[in-house]
Amino acid sequence: MIGLAVQRNLLRLYGFCMTPEKRLLVYPYMPNGSVADRLRDTSQENLSLDWSKRIHIALGAARGLVYLHE
């Protein structure tokens, strides 16, 4: 069901694999890392992620969650 969700703020699910021990979801490769990686990174390269961009990311995530909820 989640693979059918298409919305601008959600990654497209490519596939999944289930075994008795593990469950795996396959999403597109993100060469710059995940949003969580970027938010936690405190290196000099990540200083471009200022508070206005963080708010923009948070609002996009909220829109994606609203879409899934509705």
C-alpha atoms as a PDB file:
ATOM      1  CA  MET A   1       0.000   0.000   0.000  1.00  0.00           C
ATOM      2  CA  ILE A   2       2.781   2.468   0.841  1.00  0.00           C
ATOM      3  CA  GLY A   3       4.304   1.874  -2.592  1.00  0.00           C
ATOM      4  CA  LEU A   4       1.231   3.455  -4.159  1.00  0.00           C
ATOM      5  CA  ALA A   5       1.731   6.723  -2.261  1.00  0.00           C
ATOM      6  CA  VAL A   6       2.940   9.386  -4.687  1.00  0.00           C
ATOM      7  CA  GLN A   7       3.481  12.822  -3.242  1.00  0.00           C
ATOM      8  CA  ARG A   8       6.135  15.472  -3.736  1.00  0.00           C
ATOM      9  CA  ASN A   9       7.461  15.228  -0.171  1.00  0.00           C
ATOM     10  CA  LEU A  10       7.716  11.422  -0.079  1.00  0.00           C
ATOM     11  CA  LEU A  11      10.362   9.152  -1.537  1.00  0.00           C
ATOM     12  CA  ARG A  12       9.071   6.575  -3.980  1.00  0.00           C
ATOM     13  CA  LEU A  13       9.240   3.027  -2.608  1.00  0.00           C
ATOM     14  CA  TYR A  14      10.977   0.785  -5.159  1.00  0.00           C
ATOM     15  CA  GLY A  15      10.359  -2.515  -3.430  1.00  0.00           C
ATOM     16  CA  PHE A  16      10.622  -4.596  -0.302  1.00  0.00           C
ATOM     17  CA  CYS A  17      11.887  -7.923   0.936  1.00  0.00           C
ATOM     18  CA  MET A  18      10.581  -9.922   3.873  1.00  0.00           C
ATOM     19  CA  THR A  19      12.200 -12.903   5.529  1.00  0.00           C
ATOM     20  CA  PRO A  20      11.295 -14.481   8.862  1.00  0.00           C
ATOM     21  CA  GLU A  21      14.128 -12.517  10.522  1.00  0.00           C
ATOM     22  CA  LYS A  22      14.227  -9.238   8.610  1.00  0.00           C
ATOM     23  CA  ARG A  23      12.153  -6.714   6.703  1.00  0.00           C
ATOM     24  CA  LEU A  24      13.737  -4.417   4.128  1.00  0.00           C
ATOM     25  CA  LEU A  25      12.344  -1.398   2.270  1.00  0.00           C
ATOM     26  CA  VAL A  26      14.121  -0.245  -0.901  1.00  0.00           C
ATOM     27  CA  TYR A  27      14.137   3.489  -1.633  1.00  0.00           C
ATOM     28  CA  PRO A  28      16.128   5.536  -4.174  1.00  0.00           C
ATOM     29  CA  TYR A  29      19.800   6.101  -3.411  1.00  0.00           C
ATOM     30  CA  MET A  30      20.468   9.521  -1.918  1.00  0.00           C
ATOM     31  CA  PRO A  31      24.074  10.513  -2.763  1.00  0.00           C
ATOM     32  CA  ASN A  32      24.051  13.457  -0.317  1.00  0.00           C
ATOM     33  CA  GLY A  33      22.775  11.336   2.569  1.00  0.00           C
ATOM     34  CA  SER A  34      19.446  11.441   4.314  1.00  0.00           C
ATOM     35  CA  VAL A  35      17.782  14.488   5.830  1.00  0.00           C
ATOM     36  CA  ALA A  36      18.575  13.080   9.269  1.00  0.00           C
ATOM     37  CA  ASP A  37      22.271  12.904   8.328  1.00  0.00           C
ATOM     38  CA  ARG A  38      22.246  16.517   7.170  1.00  0.00           C
ATOM     39  CA  LEU A  39      20.438  17.756  10.285  1.00  0.00           C
ATOM     40  CA  ARG A  40      22.897  16.013  12.622  1.00  0.00           C
ATOM     41  CA  ASP A  41      26.041  16.959  10.689  1.00  0.00           C
ATOM     42  CA  THR A  42      27.912  19.822  12.351  1.00  0.00           C
ATOM     43  CA  SER A  43      30.843  20.014   9.928  1.00  0.00           C
ATOM     44  CA  GLN A  44      31.758  23.224   8.127  1.00  0.00           C
ATOM     45  CA  GLU A  45      30.245  21.860   4.885  1.00  0.00           C
ATOM     46  CA  ASN A  46      26.764  21.713   6.433  1.00  0.00           C
ATOM     47  CA  LEU A  47      26.572  25.344   7.550  1.00  0.00           C
ATOM     48  CA  SER A  48      24.396  26.073   4.513  1.00  0.00           C
ATOM     49  CA  LEU A  49      21.515  24.267   6.256  1.00  0.00           C
ATOM     50  CA  ASP A  50      20.308  27.318   8.164  1.00  0.00           C
ATOM     51  CA  TRP A  51      17.098  27.604  10.164  1.00  0.00           C
ATOM     52  CA  SER A  52      14.958  28.795   7.251  1.00  0.00           C
ATOM     53  CA  LYS A  53      15.954  25.693   5.257  1.00  0.00           C
ATOM     54  CA  ARG A  54      15.316  23.489   8.296  1.00  0.00           C
ATOM     55  CA  ILE A  55      11.818  24.968   8.647  1.00  0.00           C
ATOM     56  CA  HIS A  56      11.213  24.360   4.934  1.00  0.00           C
ATOM     57  CA  ILE A  57      12.254  20.710   5.401  1.00  0.00           C
ATOM     58  CA  ALA A  58      10.020  20.340   8.477  1.00  0.00           C
ATOM     59  CA  LEU A  59       7.009  21.755   6.629  1.00  0.00           C
ATOM     60  CA  GLY A  60       7.627  19.410   3.693  1.00  0.00           C
ATOM     61  CA  ALA A  61       7.826  16.436   6.064  1.00  0.00           C
ATOM     62  CA  ALA A  62       4.581  17.559   7.697  1.00  0.00           C
ATOM     63  CA  ARG A  63       2.866  17.773   4.291  1.00  0.00           C
ATOM     64  CA  GLY A  64       4.023  14.245   3.497  1.00  0.00           C
ATOM     65  CA  LEU A  65       2.640  12.954   6.805  1.00  0.00           C
ATOM     66  CA  VAL A  66      -0.683  14.733   6.233  1.00  0.00           C
ATOM     67  CA  TYR A  67      -0.884  13.116   2.806  1.00  0.00           C
ATOM     68  CA  LEU A  68      -0.279   9.651   4.287  1.00  0.00           C
ATOM     69  CA  HIS A  69      -2.775  10.297   7.087  1.00  0.00           C
ATOM     70  CA  GLU A  70      -5.549  11.407   4.750  1.00  0.00           C
END
